[in-house]
Amino acid sequence: LVESDHARVLVDCGLFQGLAELRRRNWRELPCDGADIEAV
């Protein structure tokens, strides 16, 4: 996640795979709302 004064951009947006501990991270909320991201 890249945040500047006027923009939020996400570079790559991948799934966690492999260990159960990693896969559970797919269910966590991101630290900002999807609506606040301008581009991926």
PDB file of all heavy atoms in Angstrom:
ATOM      1  N   LEU A   1       0.841  -1.196   0.000  1.00  0.00           N
ATOM      2  CA  LEU A   1       0.000   0.000   0.000  1.00  0.00           C
ATOM      3  C   LEU A   1       0.874   1.242   0.000  1.00  0.00           C
ATOM      4  O   LEU A   1       1.763   1.395   0.843  1.00  0.00           O
ATOM      5  CB  LEU A   1      -0.906   0.000   1.237  1.00  0.00           C
ATOM      6  CG  LEU A   1      -1.877   1.169   1.385  1.00  0.00           C
ATOM      7  CD1 LEU A   1      -2.904   1.164   0.250  1.00  0.00           C
ATOM      8  CD2 LEU A   1      -2.576   1.101   2.744  1.00  0.00           C
ATOM      9  N   VAL A   2       0.621   2.139  -0.958  1.00  0.00           N
ATOM     10  CA  VAL A   2       1.388   3.382  -1.094  1.00  0.00           C
ATOM     11  C   VAL A   2       0.424   4.546  -0.874  1.00  0.00           C
ATOM     12  O   VAL A   2      -0.550   4.707  -1.621  1.00  0.00           O
ATOM     13  CB  VAL A   2       2.039   3.491  -2.485  1.00  0.00           C
ATOM     14  CG1 VAL A   2       2.900   4.741  -2.570  1.00  0.00           C
ATOM     15  CG2 VAL A   2       2.875   2.252  -2.786  1.00  0.00           C
ATOM     16  N   GLU A   3       0.708   5.380   0.142  1.00  0.00           N
ATOM     17  CA  GLU A   3      -0.157   6.501   0.484  1.00  0.00           C
ATOM     18  C   GLU A   3       0.618   7.807   0.376  1.00  0.00           C
ATOM     19  O   GLU A   3       1.634   7.991   1.047  1.00  0.00           O
ATOM     20  CB  GLU A   3      -0.695   6.347   1.905  1.00  0.00           C
ATOM     21  CG  GLU A   3      -1.501   5.078   2.126  1.00  0.00           C
ATOM     22  CD  GLU A   3      -1.841   4.883   3.585  1.00  0.00           C
ATOM     23  OE1 GLU A   3      -0.972   4.391   4.332  1.00  0.00           O
ATOM     24  OE2 GLU A   3      -2.960   5.244   3.978  1.00  0.00           O
ATOM     25  N   SER A   4       0.131   8.705  -0.464  1.00  0.00           N
ATOM     26  CA  SER A   4       0.709  10.042  -0.567  1.00  0.00           C
ATOM     27  C   SER A   4      -0.311  11.044  -0.037  1.00  0.00           C
ATOM     28  O   SER A   4      -1.362  10.663   0.483  1.00  0.00           O
ATOM     29  CB  SER A   4       1.090  10.348  -2.013  1.00  0.00           C
ATOM     30  OG  SER A   4      -0.039  10.277  -2.851  1.00  0.00           O
ATOM     31  N   ASP A   5      -0.022  12.330  -0.191  1.00  0.00           N
ATOM     32  CA  ASP A   5      -0.928  13.335   0.360  1.00  0.00           C
ATOM     33  C   ASP A   5      -2.341  13.219  -0.203  1.00  0.00           C
ATOM     34  O   ASP A   5      -3.320  13.462   0.493  1.00  0.00           O
ATOM     35  CB  ASP A   5      -0.393  14.747   0.058  1.00  0.00           C
ATOM     36  CG  ASP A   5       0.729  15.150   1.010  1.00  0.00           C
ATOM     37  OD1 ASP A   5       0.760  14.615   2.136  1.00  0.00           O
ATOM     38  OD2 ASP A   5       1.564  15.979   0.623  1.00  0.00           O
ATOM     39  N   HIS A   6      -2.465  12.833  -1.468  1.00  0.00           N
ATOM     40  CA  HIS A   6      -3.769  12.866  -2.116  1.00  0.00           C
ATOM     41  C   HIS A   6      -4.178  11.545  -2.767  1.00  0.00           C
ATOM     42  O   HIS A   6      -5.128  11.509  -3.541  1.00  0.00           O
ATOM     43  CB  HIS A   6      -3.786  13.971  -3.190  1.00  0.00           C
ATOM     44  CG  HIS A   6      -3.508  15.332  -2.642  1.00  0.00           C
ATOM     45  ND1 HIS A   6      -2.274  15.927  -2.715  1.00  0.00           N
ATOM     46  CD2 HIS A   6      -4.312  16.212  -1.990  1.00  0.00           C
ATOM     47  CE1 HIS A   6      -2.326  17.121  -2.141  1.00  0.00           C
ATOM     48  NE2 HIS A   6      -3.546  17.318  -1.697  1.00  0.00           N
ATOM     49  N   ALA A   7      -3.444  10.472  -2.513  1.00  0.00           N
ATOM     50  CA  ALA A   7      -3.772   9.220  -3.204  1.00  0.00           C
ATOM     51  C   ALA A   7      -3.387   8.009  -2.369  1.00  0.00           C
ATOM     52  O   ALA A   7      -2.434   8.046  -1.590  1.00  0.00           O
ATOM     53  CB  ALA A   7      -3.063   9.166  -4.554  1.00  0.00           C
ATOM     54  N   ARG A   8      -4.174   6.960  -2.553  1.00  0.00           N
ATOM     55  CA  ARG A   8      -3.811   5.642  -2.042  1.00  0.00           C
ATOM     56  C   ARG A   8      -3.797   4.683  -3.227  1.00  0.00           C
ATOM     57  O   ARG A   8      -4.777   4.560  -3.954  1.00  0.00           O
ATOM     58  CB  ARG A   8      -4.816   5.140  -1.000  1.00  0.00           C
ATOM     59  CG  ARG A   8      -4.607   5.689   0.411  1.00  0.00           C
ATOM     60  CD  ARG A   8      -5.439   4.892   1.400  1.00  0.00           C
ATOM     61  NE  ARG A   8      -5.203   5.332   2.753  1.00  0.00           N
ATOM     62  CZ  ARG A   8      -6.083   6.028   3.488  1.00  0.00           C
ATOM     63  NH1 ARG A   8      -7.249   6.362   2.969  1.00  0.00           N
ATOM     64  NH2 ARG A   8      -5.789   6.392   4.723  1.00  0.00           N
ATOM     65  N   VAL A   9      -2.681   3.987  -3.397  1.00  0.00           N
ATOM     66  CA  VAL A   9      -2.513   3.029  -4.484  1.00  0.00           C
ATOM     67  C   VAL A   9      -2.008   1.723  -3.892  1.00  0.00           C
ATOM     68  O   VAL A   9      -1.140   1.724  -3.007  1.00  0.00           O
ATOM     69  CB  VAL A   9      -1.517   3.565  -5.541  1.00  0.00           C
ATOM     70  CG1 VAL A   9      -1.208   2.495  -6.580  1.00  0.00           C
ATOM     71  CG2 VAL A   9      -2.071   4.815  -6.216  1.00  0.00           C
ATOM     72  N   LEU A  10      -2.547   0.612  -4.385  1.00  0.00           N
ATOM     73  CA  LEU A  10      -2.087  -0.704  -3.966  1.00  0.00           C
ATOM     74  C   LEU A  10      -1.327  -1.340  -5.120  1.00  0.00           C
ATOM     75  O   LEU A  10      -1.806  -1.337  -6.258  1.00  0.00           O
ATOM     76  CB  LEU A  10      -3.291  -1.570  -3.588  1.00  0.00           C
ATOM     77  CG  LEU A  10      -3.040  -2.863  -2.806  1.00  0.00           C
ATOM     78  CD1 LEU A  10      -2.440  -2.561  -1.440  1.00  0.00           C
ATOM     79  CD2 LEU A  10      -4.343  -3.644  -2.656  1.00  0.00           C
ATOM     80  N   VAL A  11      -0.121  -1.826  -4.847  1.00  0.00           N
ATOM     81  CA  VAL A  11       0.644  -2.553  -5.853  1.00  0.00           C
ATOM     82  C   VAL A  11       0.531  -4.042  -5.535  1.00  0.00           C
ATOM     83  O   VAL A  11       0.976  -4.488  -4.479  1.00  0.00           O
ATOM     84  CB  VAL A  11       2.118  -2.120  -5.885  1.00  0.00           C
ATOM     85  CG1 VAL A  11       2.863  -2.878  -6.994  1.00  0.00           C
ATOM     86  CG2 VAL A  11       2.237  -0.620  -6.109  1.00  0.00           C
ATOM     87  N   ASP A  12      -0.086  -4.771  -6.443  1.00  0.00           N
ATOM     88  CA  ASP A  12      -0.439  -6.181  -6.312  1.00  0.00           C
ATOM     89  C   ASP A  12      -1.474  -6.383  -5.210  1.00  0.00           C
ATOM     90  O   ASP A  12      -1.572  -5.587  -4.255  1.00  0.00           O
ATOM     91  CB  ASP A  12       0.786  -7.066  -6.106  1.00  0.00           C
ATOM     92  CG  ASP A  12       1.507  -7.351  -7.423  1.00  0.00           C
ATOM     93  OD1 ASP A  12       0.883  -7.216  -8.485  1.00  0.00           O
ATOM     94  OD2 ASP A  12       2.702  -7.701  -7.389  1.00  0.00           O
ATOM     95  N   CYS A  13      -2.245  -7.428  -5.371  1.00  0.00           N
ATOM     96  CA  CYS A  13      -3.385  -7.669  -4.476  1.00  0.00           C
ATOM     97  C   CYS A  13      -3.619  -9.178  -4.447  1.00  0.00           C
ATOM     98  O   CYS A  13      -4.618  -9.684  -4.950  1.00  0.00           O
ATOM     99  CB  CYS A  13      -4.607  -6.914  -5.004  1.00  0.00           C
ATOM    100  SG  CYS A  13      -6.001  -6.870  -3.863  1.00  0.00           S
ATOM    101  N   GLY A  14      -2.654  -9.896  -3.839  1.00  0.00           N
ATOM    102  CA  GLY A  14      -2.637 -11.341  -3.946  1.00  0.00           C
ATOM    103  C   GLY A  14      -3.226 -12.083  -2.764  1.00  0.00           C
ATOM    104  O   GLY A  14      -3.346 -11.545  -1.661  1.00  0.00           O
ATOM    105  N   LEU A  15      -3.565 -13.331  -2.998  1.00  0.00           N
ATOM    106  CA  LEU A  15      -4.037 -14.234  -1.951  1.00  0.00           C
ATOM    107  C   LEU A  15      -2.860 -14.859  -1.220  1.00  0.00           C
ATOM    108  O   LEU A  15      -1.823 -15.157  -1.819  1.00  0.00           O
ATOM    109  CB  LEU A  15      -4.874 -15.362  -2.544  1.00  0.00           C
ATOM    110  CG  LEU A  15      -6.357 -15.132  -2.830  1.00  0.00           C
ATOM    111  CD1 LEU A  15      -6.976 -16.440  -3.302  1.00  0.00           C
ATOM    112  CD2 LEU A  15      -7.089 -14.616  -1.610  1.00  0.00           C
ATOM    113  N   PHE A  16      -3.043 -15.093   0.074  1.00  0.00           N
ATOM    114  CA  PHE A  16      -2.114 -15.923   0.830  1.00  0.00           C
ATOM    115  C   PHE A  16      -2.459 -17.383   0.561  1.00  0.00           C
ATOM    116  O   PHE A  16      -3.624 -17.766   0.487  1.00  0.00           O
ATOM    117  CB  PHE A  16      -2.219 -15.649   2.326  1.00  0.00           C
ATOM    118  CG  PHE A  16      -1.657 -14.317   2.743  1.00  0.00           C
ATOM    119  CD1 PHE A  16      -2.488 -13.232   2.975  1.00  0.00           C
ATOM    120  CD2 PHE A  16      -0.288 -14.149   2.894  1.00  0.00           C
ATOM    121  CE1 PHE A  16      -1.978 -12.013   3.367  1.00  0.00           C
ATOM    122  CE2 PHE A  16       0.245 -12.928   3.284  1.00  0.00           C
ATOM    123  CZ  PHE A  16      -0.606 -11.857   3.513  1.00  0.00           C
ATOM    124  N   GLN A  17      -1.419 -18.218   0.441  1.00  0.00           N
ATOM    125  CA  GLN A  17      -1.601 -19.638   0.178  1.00  0.00           C
ATOM    126  C   GLN A  17      -0.650 -20.442   1.068  1.00  0.00           C
ATOM    127  O   GLN A  17       0.262 -19.899   1.665  1.00  0.00           O
ATOM    128  CB  GLN A  17      -1.314 -19.946  -1.298  1.00  0.00           C
ATOM    129  CG  GLN A  17      -2.212 -19.209  -2.283  1.00  0.00           C
ATOM    130  CD  GLN A  17      -1.694 -19.271  -3.698  1.00  0.00           C
ATOM    131  OE1 GLN A  17      -0.760 -18.567  -4.060  1.00  0.00           O
ATOM    132  NE2 GLN A  17      -2.299 -20.120  -4.509  1.00  0.00           N
ATOM    133  N   GLY A  18      -0.879 -21.752   1.127  1.00  0.00           N
ATOM    134  CA  GLY A  18       0.041 -22.614   1.867  1.00  0.00           C
ATOM    135  C   GLY A  18      -0.434 -22.892   3.269  1.00  0.00           C
ATOM    136  O   GLY A  18      -1.529 -23.433   3.487  1.00  0.00           O
ATOM    137  N   LEU A  19       0.364 -22.543   4.269  1.00  0.00           N
ATOM    138  CA  LEU A  19       0.068 -22.844   5.655  1.00  0.00           C
ATOM    139  C   LEU A  19      -1.261 -22.243   6.086  1.00  0.00           C
ATOM    140  O   LEU A  19      -1.642 -21.148   5.645  1.00  0.00           O
ATOM    141  CB  LEU A  19       1.183 -22.310   6.563  1.00  0.00           C
ATOM    142  CG  LEU A  19       2.582 -22.929   6.371  1.00  0.00           C
ATOM    143  CD1 LEU A  19       3.627 -22.120   7.121  1.00  0.00           C
ATOM    144  CD2 LEU A  19       2.582 -24.385   6.834  1.00  0.00           C
ATOM    145  N   ALA A  20      -1.978 -22.947   6.980  1.00  0.00           N
ATOM    146  CA  ALA A  20      -3.285 -22.470   7.445  1.00  0.00           C
ATOM    147  C   ALA A  20      -3.171 -21.086   8.065  1.00  0.00           C
ATOM    148  O   ALA A  20      -4.062 -20.241   7.899  1.00  0.00           O
ATOM    149  CB  ALA A  20      -3.870 -23.468   8.441  1.00  0.00           C
ATOM    150  N   GLU A  21      -2.074 -20.843   8.773  1.00  0.00           N
ATOM    151  CA  GLU A  21      -1.869 -19.530   9.388  1.00  0.00           C
ATOM    152  C   GLU A  21      -1.849 -18.425   8.336  1.00  0.00           C
ATOM    153  O   GLU A  21      -2.374 -17.325   8.549  1.00  0.00           O
ATOM    154  CB  GLU A  21      -0.545 -19.528  10.159  1.00  0.00           C
ATOM    155  CG  GLU A  21      -0.170 -18.178  10.742  1.00  0.00           C
ATOM    156  CD  GLU A  21       1.238 -18.163  11.290  1.00  0.00           C
ATOM    157  OE1 GLU A  21       1.875 -19.234  11.350  1.00  0.00           O
ATOM    158  OE2 GLU A  21       1.708 -17.068  11.650  1.00  0.00           O
ATOM    159  N   LEU A  22      -1.235 -18.716   7.190  1.00  0.00           N
ATOM    160  CA  LEU A  22      -1.207 -17.730   6.112  1.00  0.00           C
ATOM    161  C   LEU A  22      -2.582 -17.585   5.470  1.00  0.00           C
ATOM    162  O   LEU A  22      -3.043 -16.463   5.207  1.00  0.00           O
ATOM    163  CB  LEU A  22      -0.179 -18.137   5.059  1.00  0.00           C
ATOM    164  CG  LEU A  22       1.288 -18.023   5.446  1.00  0.00           C
ATOM    165  CD1 LEU A  22       2.173 -18.603   4.354  1.00  0.00           C
ATOM    166  CD2 LEU A  22       1.667 -16.553   5.692  1.00  0.00           C
ATOM    167  N   ARG A  23      -3.255 -18.696   5.210  1.00  0.00           N
ATOM    168  CA  ARG A  23      -4.560 -18.633   4.550  1.00  0.00           C
ATOM    169  C   ARG A  23      -5.574 -17.851   5.371  1.00  0.00           C
ATOM    170  O   ARG A  23      -6.443 -17.175   4.821  1.00  0.00           O
ATOM    171  CB  ARG A  23      -5.090 -20.041   4.253  1.00  0.00           C
ATOM    172  CG  ARG A  23      -4.208 -20.852   3.306  1.00  0.00           C
ATOM    173  CD  ARG A  23      -4.969 -22.041   2.748  1.00  0.00           C
ATOM    174  NE  ARG A  23      -5.565 -22.875   3.769  1.00  0.00           N
ATOM    175  CZ  ARG A  23      -4.956 -23.873   4.384  1.00  0.00           C
ATOM    176  NH1 ARG A  23      -3.687 -24.172   4.106  1.00  0.00           N
ATOM    177  NH2 ARG A  23      -5.586 -24.605   5.293  1.00  0.00           N
ATOM    178  N   ARG A  24      -5.453 -17.918   6.705  1.00  0.00           N
ATOM    179  CA  ARG A  24      -6.390 -17.168   7.559  1.00  0.00           C
ATOM    180  C   ARG A  24      -6.249 -15.670   7.361  1.00  0.00           C
ATOM    181  O   ARG A  24      -7.196 -14.916   7.620  1.00  0.00           O
ATOM    182  CB  ARG A  24      -6.171 -17.553   9.031  1.00  0.00           C
ATOM    183  CG  ARG A  24      -6.788 -18.901   9.394  1.00  0.00           C
ATOM    184  CD  ARG A  24      -6.841 -19.100  10.886  1.00  0.00           C
ATOM    185  NE  ARG A  24      -5.524 -19.318  11.454  1.00  0.00           N
ATOM    186  CZ  ARG A  24      -4.970 -20.519  11.628  1.00  0.00           C
ATOM    187  NH1 ARG A  24      -5.624 -21.602  11.270  1.00  0.00           N
ATOM    188  NH2 ARG A  24      -3.768 -20.635  12.157  1.00  0.00           N
ATOM    189  N   ARG A  25      -5.067 -15.222   6.914  1.00  0.00           N
ATOM    190  CA  ARG A  25      -4.885 -13.782   6.702  1.00  0.00           C
ATOM    191  C   ARG A  25      -5.791 -13.261   5.592  1.00  0.00           C
ATOM    192  O   ARG A  25      -6.084 -12.059   5.537  1.00  0.00           O
ATOM    193  CB  ARG A  25      -3.428 -13.477   6.347  1.00  0.00           C
ATOM    194  CG  ARG A  25      -2.437 -13.762   7.454  1.00  0.00           C
ATOM    195  CD  ARG A  25      -1.064 -13.249   7.058  1.00  0.00           C
ATOM    196  NE  ARG A  25      -0.022 -13.764   7.922  1.00  0.00           N
ATOM    197  CZ  ARG A  25       1.264 -13.480   7.790  1.00  0.00           C
ATOM    198  NH1 ARG A  25       1.662 -12.690   6.796  1.00  0.00           N
ATOM    199  NH2 ARG A  25       2.165 -13.981   8.615  1.00  0.00           N
ATOM    200  N   ASN A  26      -6.226 -14.129   4.687  1.00  0.00           N
ATOM    201  CA  ASN A  26      -7.120 -13.679   3.624  1.00  0.00           C
ATOM    202  C   ASN A  26      -8.441 -13.152   4.166  1.00  0.00           C
ATOM    203  O   ASN A  26      -9.146 -12.409   3.473  1.00  0.00           O
ATOM    204  CB  ASN A  26      -7.400 -14.829   2.649  1.00  0.00           C
ATOM    205  CG  ASN A  26      -6.169 -15.235   1.857  1.00  0.00           C
ATOM    206  OD1 ASN A  26      -5.380 -14.399   1.439  1.00  0.00           O
ATOM    207  ND2 ASN A  26      -6.005 -16.536   1.645  1.00  0.00           N
ATOM    208  N   TRP A  27      -8.781 -13.537   5.389  1.00  0.00           N
ATOM    209  CA  TRP A  27     -10.054 -13.109   5.976  1.00  0.00           C
ATOM    210  C   TRP A  27      -9.925 -11.833   6.793  1.00  0.00           C
ATOM    211  O   TRP A  27     -10.935 -11.280   7.246  1.00  0.00           O
ATOM    212  CB  TRP A  27     -10.627 -14.241   6.850  1.00  0.00           C
ATOM    213  CG  TRP A  27     -11.000 -15.435   6.033  1.00  0.00           C
ATOM    214  CD1 TRP A  27     -10.219 -16.524   5.756  1.00  0.00           C
ATOM    215  CD2 TRP A  27     -12.231 -15.655   5.351  1.00  0.00           C
ATOM    216  NE1 TRP A  27     -10.881 -17.411   4.953  1.00  0.00           N
ATOM    217  CE2 TRP A  27     -12.129 -16.910   4.682  1.00  0.00           C
ATOM    218  CE3 TRP A  27     -13.413 -14.932   5.235  1.00  0.00           C
ATOM    219  CZ2 TRP A  27     -13.165 -17.439   3.924  1.00  0.00           C
ATOM    220  CZ3 TRP A  27     -14.444 -15.463   4.478  1.00  0.00           C
ATOM    221  CH2 TRP A  27     -14.316 -16.696   3.838  1.00  0.00           C
ATOM    222  N   ARG A  28      -8.713 -11.371   6.993  1.00  0.00           N
ATOM    223  CA  ARG A  28      -8.522 -10.131   7.756  1.00  0.00           C
ATOM    224  C   ARG A  28      -8.883  -8.913   6.909  1.00  0.00           C
ATOM    225  O   ARG A  28      -8.677  -8.902   5.701  1.00  0.00           O
ATOM    226  CB  ARG A  28      -7.061  -9.993   8.209  1.00  0.00           C
ATOM    227  CG  ARG A  28      -6.587 -11.055   9.160  1.00  0.00           C
ATOM    228  CD  ARG A  28      -5.133 -10.786   9.524  1.00  0.00           C
ATOM    229  NE  ARG A  28      -4.562 -11.859  10.326  1.00  0.00           N
ATOM    230  CZ  ARG A  28      -3.270 -11.930  10.665  1.00  0.00           C
ATOM    231  NH1 ARG A  28      -2.428 -10.974  10.262  1.00  0.00           N
ATOM    232  NH2 ARG A  28      -2.828 -12.938  11.401  1.00  0.00           N
ATOM    233  N   GLU A  29      -9.388  -7.895   7.558  1.00  0.00           N
ATOM    234  CA  GLU A  29      -9.665  -6.654   6.860  1.00  0.00           C
ATOM    235  C   GLU A  29      -8.361  -5.911   6.584  1.00  0.00           C
ATOM    236  O   GLU A  29      -7.412  -5.969   7.371  1.00  0.00           O
ATOM    237  CB  GLU A  29     -10.587  -5.772   7.698  1.00  0.00           C
ATOM    238  CG  GLU A  29     -11.994  -6.336   7.876  1.00  0.00           C
ATOM    239  CD  GLU A  29     -12.879  -5.389   8.663  1.00  0.00           C
ATOM    240  OE1 GLU A  29     -12.423  -4.265   8.959  1.00  0.00           O
ATOM    241  OE2 GLU A  29     -14.016  -5.779   8.969  1.00  0.00           O
ATOM    242  N   LEU A  30      -8.323  -5.213   5.467  1.00  0.00           N
ATOM    243  CA  LEU A  30      -7.176  -4.354   5.187  1.00  0.00           C
ATOM    244  C   LEU A  30      -7.242  -3.118   6.086  1.00  0.00           C
ATOM    245  O   LEU A  30      -8.304  -2.779   6.619  1.00  0.00           O
ATOM    246  CB  LEU A  30      -7.174  -3.944   3.714  1.00  0.00           C
ATOM    247  CG  LEU A  30      -6.919  -5.047   2.692  1.00  0.00           C
ATOM    248  CD1 LEU A  30      -6.861  -4.456   1.280  1.00  0.00           C
ATOM    249  CD2 LEU A  30      -5.639  -5.798   2.984  1.00  0.00           C
ATOM    250  N   PRO A  31      -6.112  -2.420   6.245  1.00  0.00           N
ATOM    251  CA  PRO A  31      -6.078  -1.278   7.160  1.00  0.00           C
ATOM    252  C   PRO A  31      -6.765  -0.029   6.621  1.00  0.00           C
ATOM    253  O   PRO A  31      -6.712   1.019   7.252  1.00  0.00           O
ATOM    254  CB  PRO A  31      -4.584  -1.038   7.358  1.00  0.00           C
ATOM    255  CG  PRO A  31      -3.957  -1.564   6.129  1.00  0.00           C
ATOM    256  CD  PRO A  31      -4.776  -2.751   5.744  1.00  0.00           C
ATOM    257  N   CYS A  32      -7.358  -0.096   5.442  1.00  0.00           N
ATOM    258  CA  CYS A  32      -8.145   1.021   4.939  1.00  0.00           C
ATOM    259  C   CYS A  32      -9.301   0.452   4.133  1.00  0.00           C
ATOM    260  O   CYS A  32      -9.260  -0.699   3.677  1.00  0.00           O
ATOM    261  CB  CYS A  32      -7.293   1.966   4.089  1.00  0.00           C
ATOM    262  SG  CYS A  32      -6.634   1.228   2.587  1.00  0.00           S
ATOM    263  N   ASP A  33     -10.323   1.233   3.949  1.00  0.00           N
ATOM    264  CA  ASP A  33     -11.476   0.778   3.184  1.00  0.00           C
ATOM    265  C   ASP A  33     -11.107   0.626   1.718  1.00  0.00           C
ATOM    266  O   ASP A  33     -10.342   1.429   1.166  1.00  0.00           O
ATOM    267  CB  ASP A  33     -12.632   1.777   3.312  1.00  0.00           C
ATOM    268  CG  ASP A  33     -13.231   1.794   4.709  1.00  0.00           C
ATOM    269  OD1 ASP A  33     -13.129   0.768   5.417  1.00  0.00           O
ATOM    270  OD2 ASP A  33     -13.780   2.848   5.089  1.00  0.00           O
ATOM    271  N   GLY A  34     -11.696  -0.381   1.077  1.00  0.00           N
ATOM    272  CA  GLY A  34     -11.459  -0.546  -0.338  1.00  0.00           C
ATOM    273  C   GLY A  34     -11.841   0.691  -1.130  1.00  0.00           C
ATOM    274  O   GLY A  34     -11.204   1.032  -2.136  1.00  0.00           O
ATOM    275  N   ALA A  35     -12.889   1.380  -0.693  1.00  0.00           N
ATOM    276  CA  ALA A  35     -13.352   2.574  -1.399  1.00  0.00           C
ATOM    277  C   ALA A  35     -12.331   3.707  -1.369  1.00  0.00           C
ATOM    278  O   ALA A  35     -12.401   4.626  -2.191  1.00  0.00           O
ATOM    279  CB  ALA A  35     -14.675   3.050  -0.805  1.00  0.00           C
ATOM    280  N   ASP A  36     -11.390   3.661  -0.426  1.00  0.00           N
ATOM    281  CA  ASP A  36     -10.394   4.734  -0.299  1.00  0.00           C
ATOM    282  C   ASP A  36      -9.172   4.513  -1.186  1.00  0.00           C
ATOM    283  O   ASP A  36      -8.279   5.360  -1.224  1.00  0.00           O
ATOM    284  CB  ASP A  36      -9.937   4.858   1.157  1.00  0.00           C
ATOM    285  CG  ASP A  36     -11.047   5.360   2.064  1.00  0.00           C
ATOM    286  OD1 ASP A  36     -11.957   6.055   1.549  1.00  0.00           O
ATOM    287  OD2 ASP A  36     -11.017   5.055   3.270  1.00  0.00           O
ATOM    288  N   ILE A  37      -9.102   3.371  -1.853  1.00  0.00           N
ATOM    289  CA  ILE A  37      -7.973   3.085  -2.750  1.00  0.00           C
ATOM    290  C   ILE A  37      -8.349   3.524  -4.155  1.00  0.00           C
ATOM    291  O   ILE A  37      -9.379   3.107  -4.694  1.00  0.00           O
ATOM    292  CB  ILE A  37      -7.619   1.587  -2.715  1.00  0.00           C
ATOM    293  CG1 ILE A  37      -7.179   1.183  -1.300  1.00  0.00           C
ATOM    294  CG2 ILE A  37      -6.514   1.264  -3.725  1.00  0.00           C
ATOM    295  CD1 ILE A  37      -6.951  -0.306  -1.129  1.00  0.00           C
ATOM    296  N   GLU A  38      -7.520   4.396  -4.755  1.00  0.00           N
ATOM    297  CA  GLU A  38      -7.838   4.925  -6.085  1.00  0.00           C
ATOM    298  C   GLU A  38      -7.510   3.947  -7.202  1.00  0.00           C
ATOM    299  O   GLU A  38      -8.202   3.906  -8.222  1.00  0.00           O
ATOM    300  CB  GLU A  38      -7.073   6.227  -6.331  1.00  0.00           C
ATOM    301  CG  GLU A  38      -7.634   7.432  -5.604  1.00  0.00           C
ATOM    302  CD  GLU A  38      -6.982   8.716  -6.065  1.00  0.00           C
ATOM    303  OE1 GLU A  38      -7.060   9.039  -7.260  1.00  0.00           O
ATOM    304  OE2 GLU A  38      -6.367   9.391  -5.210  1.00  0.00           O
ATOM    305  N   ALA A  39      -6.435   3.192  -7.044  1.00  0.00           N
ATOM    306  CA  ALA A  39      -6.011   2.312  -8.126  1.00  0.00           C
ATOM    307  C   ALA A  39      -5.222   1.145  -7.555  1.00  0.00           C
ATOM    308  O   ALA A  39      -4.612   1.240  -6.481  1.00  0.00           O
ATOM    309  CB  ALA A  39      -5.160   3.061  -9.143  1.00  0.00           C
ATOM    310  N   VAL A  40      -5.243   0.022  -8.290  1.00  0.00           N
ATOM    311  CA  VAL A  40      -4.390  -1.126  -7.995  1.00  0.00           C
ATOM    312  C   VAL A  40      -3.548  -1.396  -9.233  1.00  0.00           C
ATOM    313  O   VAL A  40      -4.071  -1.453 -10.348  1.00  0.00           O
ATOM    314  CB  VAL A  40      -5.216  -2.382  -7.648  1.00  0.00           C
ATOM    315  CG1 VAL A  40      -4.283  -3.567  -7.371  1.00  0.00           C
ATOM    316  CG2 VAL A  40      -6.117  -2.134  -6.448  1.00  0.00           C
TER     317      VAL A  40
END
